[in-house]
C-alpha atoms as a PDB file:
ATOM      1  CA  MET A   1       8.334  16.252  24.351  1.00  0.00           C
ATOM      2  CA  THR A   2       9.049  12.790  25.686  1.00  0.00           C
ATOM      3  CA  LEU A   3       6.773   9.876  24.863  1.00  0.00           C
ATOM      4  CA  SER A   4       6.391   6.924  27.200  1.00  0.00           C
ATOM      5  CA  VAL A   5       5.017   3.448  26.710  1.00  0.00           C
ATOM      6  CA  GLY A   6       1.259   3.649  27.267  1.00  0.00           C
ATOM      7  CA  ASP A   7       0.943   7.162  25.802  1.00  0.00           C
ATOM      8  CA  GLN A   8      -1.327   7.816  22.856  1.00  0.00           C
ATOM      9  CA  ALA A   9       0.923   8.062  19.802  1.00  0.00           C
ATOM     10  CA  PRO A  10       0.759  11.494  18.159  1.00  0.00           C
ATOM     11  CA  ASP A  11      -1.338  11.263  15.013  1.00  0.00           C
ATOM     12  CA  PHE A  12       0.096  12.582  11.776  1.00  0.00           C
ATOM     13  CA  GLU A  13      -0.612  12.800   8.085  1.00  0.00           C
ATOM     14  CA  LEU A  14       2.343  12.949   5.706  1.00  0.00           C
ATOM     15  CA  LYS A  15       2.948  12.383   2.004  1.00  0.00           C
ATOM     16  CA  ASP A  16       4.778   9.242   0.974  1.00  0.00           C
ATOM     17  CA  GLN A  17       7.336   8.897  -1.819  1.00  0.00           C
ATOM     18  CA  HIS A  18       4.482   8.704  -4.352  1.00  0.00           C
ATOM     19  CA  GLY A  19       2.687  11.821  -3.112  1.00  0.00           C
ATOM     20  CA  GLN A  20      -0.055   9.815  -1.365  1.00  0.00           C
ATOM     21  CA  SER A  21      -1.254  10.961   2.049  1.00  0.00           C
ATOM     22  CA  VAL A  22      -0.719   8.496   4.878  1.00  0.00           C
ATOM     23  CA  ARG A  23      -2.443   9.053   8.242  1.00  0.00           C
ATOM     24  CA  LEU A  24      -1.373   7.016  11.262  1.00  0.00           C
ATOM     25  CA  SER A  25      -4.889   7.010  12.743  1.00  0.00           C
ATOM     26  CA  SER A  26      -6.251   5.336   9.592  1.00  0.00           C
ATOM     27  CA  LEU A  27      -4.673   2.103  10.871  1.00  0.00           C
ATOM     28  CA  ARG A  28      -6.542   2.158  14.202  1.00  0.00           C
ATOM     29  CA  GLY A  29      -8.633  -0.893  14.840  1.00  0.00           C
ATOM     30  CA  ARG A  30      -7.008  -2.719  11.916  1.00  0.00           C
ATOM     31  CA  GLN A  31      -3.250  -2.791  12.202  1.00  0.00           C
ATOM     32  CA  ALA A  32      -0.348  -1.863  14.434  1.00  0.00           C
ATOM     33  CA  ALA A  33       2.385   0.414  13.072  1.00  0.00           C
ATOM     34  CA  LEU A  34       6.146   0.502  13.361  1.00  0.00           C
ATOM     35  CA  VAL A  35       7.055   4.173  12.882  1.00  0.00           C
ATOM     36  CA  VAL A  36      10.755   4.411  12.020  1.00  0.00           C
ATOM     37  CA  PHE A  37      12.436   7.833  11.909  1.00  0.00           C
ATOM     38  CA  TYR A  38      15.825   8.101  10.195  1.00  0.00           C
ATOM     39  CA  PRO A  39      18.177  11.027   9.485  1.00  0.00           C
ATOM     40  CA  TRP A  40      18.947  11.019   5.753  1.00  0.00           C
ATOM     41  CA  ALA A  41      18.201   9.282   2.495  1.00  0.00           C
ATOM     42  CA  PHE A  42      21.182   8.022   0.501  1.00  0.00           C
ATOM     43  CA  THR A  43      23.419   7.408   3.507  1.00  0.00           C
ATOM     44  CA  GLY A  44      25.097   4.194   4.554  1.00  0.00           C
ATOM     45  CA  VAL A  45      23.611   3.553   7.992  1.00  0.00           C
ATOM     46  CA  CYS A  46      20.101   4.664   6.991  1.00  0.00           C
ATOM     47  CA  GLY A  47      20.223   2.624   3.809  1.00  0.00           C
ATOM     48  CA  GLY A  48      21.408  -0.437   5.709  1.00  0.00           C
ATOM     49  CA  GLU A  49      18.630  -0.180   8.281  1.00  0.00           C
ATOM     50  CA  LEU A  50      15.974   0.316   5.616  1.00  0.00           C
ATOM     51  CA  ARG A  51      17.279  -2.596   3.527  1.00  0.00           C
ATOM     52  CA  GLU A  52      16.969  -4.833   6.604  1.00  0.00           C
ATOM     53  CA  LEU A  53      13.385  -3.646   7.087  1.00  0.00           C
ATOM     54  CA  GLN A  54      12.626  -4.322   3.420  1.00  0.00           C
ATOM     55  CA  GLU A  55      14.026  -7.853   3.729  1.00  0.00           C
ATOM     56  CA  ALA A  56      11.870  -8.478   6.842  1.00  0.00           C
ATOM     57  CA  LEU A  57       8.774  -6.722   5.472  1.00  0.00           C
ATOM     58  CA  ASP A  58       6.734  -9.890   4.820  1.00  0.00           C
ATOM     59  CA  GLU A  59       7.546 -11.182   8.297  1.00  0.00           C
ATOM     60  CA  ILE A  60       6.571  -7.870   9.927  1.00  0.00           C
ATOM     61  CA  ALA A  61       3.392  -7.504   7.857  1.00  0.00           C
ATOM     62  CA  GLY A  62       2.522 -11.120   8.690  1.00  0.00           C
ATOM     63  CA  SER A  63       2.513 -10.062  12.347  1.00  0.00           C
ATOM     64  CA  GLY A  64      -0.123  -7.415  11.595  1.00  0.00           C
ATOM     65  CA  VAL A  65       2.275  -4.469  11.624  1.00  0.00           C
ATOM     66  CA  GLU A  66       2.579  -1.754   8.959  1.00  0.00           C
ATOM     67  CA  VAL A  67       6.051  -0.240   8.538  1.00  0.00           C
ATOM     68  CA  LEU A  68       6.046   3.565   8.144  1.00  0.00           C
ATOM     69  CA  THR A  69       9.423   5.229   7.711  1.00  0.00           C
ATOM     70  CA  VAL A  70       9.838   8.983   8.229  1.00  0.00           C
ATOM     71  CA  SER A  71      12.612  11.457   7.431  1.00  0.00           C
ATOM     72  CA  THR A  72      12.861  15.194   6.913  1.00  0.00           C
ATOM     73  CA  ASP A  73      13.942  14.660   3.300  1.00  0.00           C
ATOM     74  CA  SER A  74      11.654  15.916   0.547  1.00  0.00           C
ATOM     75  CA  MET A  75       9.115  13.600  -1.075  1.00  0.00           C
ATOM     76  CA  TYR A  76      11.148  13.769  -4.294  1.00  0.00           C
ATOM     77  CA  ALA A  77      14.372  12.668  -2.609  1.00  0.00           C
ATOM     78  CA  LEU A  78      12.499   9.814  -0.944  1.00  0.00           C
ATOM     79  CA  ARG A  79      11.072   8.688  -4.285  1.00  0.00           C
ATOM     80  CA  ALA A  80      14.539   8.589  -5.834  1.00  0.00           C
ATOM     81  CA  PHE A  81      15.906   6.733  -2.780  1.00  0.00           C
ATOM     82  CA  ALA A  82      13.037   4.198  -2.818  1.00  0.00           C
ATOM     83  CA  ASP A  83      13.393   3.627  -6.560  1.00  0.00           C
ATOM     84  CA  GLU A  84      17.158   3.158  -6.305  1.00  0.00           C
ATOM     85  CA  GLN A  85      16.962   0.768  -3.346  1.00  0.00           C
ATOM     86  CA  GLY A  86      13.698  -1.040  -4.179  1.00  0.00           C
ATOM     87  CA  PHE A  87      11.933   0.025  -0.985  1.00  0.00           C
ATOM     88  CA  THR A  88       8.203  -0.765  -1.105  1.00  0.00           C
ATOM     89  CA  PHE A  89       7.052   0.485   2.314  1.00  0.00           C
ATOM     90  CA  PRO A  90       5.741   4.039   2.769  1.00  0.00           C
ATOM     91  CA  MET A  91       8.607   6.523   3.058  1.00  0.00           C
ATOM     92  CA  LEU A  92       7.023   9.608   4.587  1.00  0.00           C
ATOM     93  CA  SER A  93       8.332  13.126   4.165  1.00  0.00           C
ATOM     94  CA  ASP A  94       8.391  15.311   7.293  1.00  0.00           C
ATOM     95  CA  PHE A  95       9.851  18.097   5.174  1.00  0.00           C
ATOM     96  CA  TRP A  96       7.379  20.902   5.835  1.00  0.00           C
ATOM     97  CA  PRO A  97       6.666  22.158   8.379  1.00  0.00           C
ATOM     98  CA  HIS A  98      10.197  20.908   8.766  1.00  0.00           C
ATOM     99  CA  GLY A  99      10.418  18.128  11.337  1.00  0.00           C
ATOM    100  CA  ALA A 100       6.959  18.712  12.855  1.00  0.00           C
ATOM    101  CA  VAL A 101       6.187  15.002  13.247  1.00  0.00           C
ATOM    102  CA  ALA A 102       9.700  14.151  14.454  1.00  0.00           C
ATOM    103  CA  SER A 103       9.291  16.951  17.016  1.00  0.00           C
ATOM    104  CA  ALA A 104       5.954  15.508  18.177  1.00  0.00           C
ATOM    105  CA  TYR A 105       7.738  12.203  18.783  1.00  0.00           C
ATOM    106  CA  GLY A 106      10.683  13.901  20.518  1.00  0.00           C
ATOM    107  CA  VAL A 107      13.265  12.860  17.917  1.00  0.00           C
ATOM    108  CA  PHE A 108      13.951  16.074  15.978  1.00  0.00           C
ATOM    109  CA  SER A 109      17.490  17.438  16.250  1.00  0.00           C
ATOM    110  CA  GLN A 110      17.283  21.236  16.202  1.00  0.00           C
ATOM    111  CA  GLU A 111      21.062  21.449  15.828  1.00  0.00           C
ATOM    112  CA  VAL A 112      21.216  19.376  12.644  1.00  0.00           C
ATOM    113  CA  GLY A 113      17.641  19.784  11.358  1.00  0.00           C
ATOM    114  CA  ILE A 114      16.988  16.050  10.980  1.00  0.00           C
ATOM    115  CA  ALA A 115      15.179  13.196  12.715  1.00  0.00           C
ATOM    116  CA  LEU A 116      17.203  11.041  15.066  1.00  0.00           C
ATOM    117  CA  ARG A 117      16.978   7.244  14.829  1.00  0.00           C
ATOM    118  CA  GLY A 118      13.747   6.794  16.759  1.00  0.00           C
ATOM    119  CA  SER A 119      11.445   3.793  16.378  1.00  0.00           C
ATOM    120  CA  PHE A 120       7.964   3.579  17.859  1.00  0.00           C
ATOM    121  CA  LEU A 121       5.655   0.554  17.915  1.00  0.00           C
ATOM    122  CA  VAL A 122       2.035   1.715  17.987  1.00  0.00           C
ATOM    123  CA  ASP A 123      -0.670  -0.868  18.707  1.00  0.00           C
ATOM    124  CA  VAL A 124      -4.044  -1.148  16.943  1.00  0.00           C
ATOM    125  CA  HIS A 125      -5.560   1.246  19.513  1.00  0.00           C
ATOM    126  CA  GLY A 126      -3.006   3.970  18.807  1.00  0.00           C
ATOM    127  CA  MET A 127      -1.057   3.430  22.027  1.00  0.00           C
ATOM    128  CA  LEU A 128       2.727   3.445  22.163  1.00  0.00           C
ATOM    129  CA  ARG A 129       3.856  -0.070  23.136  1.00  0.00           C
ATOM    130  CA  TRP A 130       7.643   0.157  22.636  1.00  0.00           C
ATOM    131  CA  SER A 131      10.279   2.631  21.523  1.00  0.00           C
ATOM    132  CA  VAL A 132      13.991   3.056  21.048  1.00  0.00           C
ATOM    133  CA  VAL A 133      16.010   6.157  20.161  1.00  0.00           C
ATOM    134  CA  ASN A 134      19.582   5.876  18.934  1.00  0.00           C
ATOM    135  CA  GLY A 135      22.112   8.542  18.080  1.00  0.00           C
ATOM    136  CA  ILE A 136      22.723   9.533  14.474  1.00  0.00           C
ATOM    137  CA  PRO A 137      25.599   7.085  13.836  1.00  0.00           C
ATOM    138  CA  ASP A 138      24.062   4.130  15.732  1.00  0.00           C
ATOM    139  CA  ALA A 139      22.003   1.636  13.717  1.00  0.00           C
ATOM    140  CA  ARG A 140      19.033  -0.088  15.321  1.00  0.00           C
ATOM    141  CA  ASP A 141      18.867  -3.867  15.665  1.00  0.00           C
ATOM    142  CA  LEU A 142      16.186  -5.674  13.645  1.00  0.00           C
ATOM    143  CA  ASP A 143      15.939  -8.314  16.370  1.00  0.00           C
ATOM    144  CA  ASP A 144      14.739  -5.603  18.781  1.00  0.00           C
ATOM    145  CA  TYR A 145      11.840  -4.942  16.407  1.00  0.00           C
ATOM    146  CA  ARG A 146      11.051  -8.650  16.264  1.00  0.00           C
ATOM    147  CA  LYS A 147      10.983  -8.919  20.083  1.00  0.00           C
ATOM    148  CA  ALA A 148       8.759  -5.850  20.461  1.00  0.00           C
ATOM    149  CA  ILE A 149       6.347  -7.049  17.756  1.00  0.00           C
ATOM    150  CA  ALA A 150       6.182 -10.533  19.336  1.00  0.00           C
ATOM    151  CA  ALA A 151       5.184  -8.916  22.651  1.00  0.00           C
ATOM    152  CA  LEU A 152       2.205  -7.064  21.117  1.00  0.00           C
END
């Protein structure tokens, strides 16, 4: 499945690192969402990207955007990763059915069994406004997020 700007973003409900359910559609009418898929917890590139997001979290939230990160790691691995790194944003587990949400967004690698580096900016109406998909080794640029959020 390929998503395009202007498409309705696929809704999902996943557990975060604390076991709390998070539903994308619960933000509709209130807040935009930056949905950030990443391959693995406890890896260098993923950790670096997430640390940058954590450092920019107040700026992003101040723009009316909720950061939701998603990987196919288990909720327990995500809790340990968040605790170790000090991440405070929701880290959602797409563990089971394995990769279902990443598949809905077109960023699940069947060969490796993980989410690719896909980012999707969803507006307050649930519409996809911007996206980028990078390969597994290629970090995303925080300035691209800033530009997309500024254009909302």
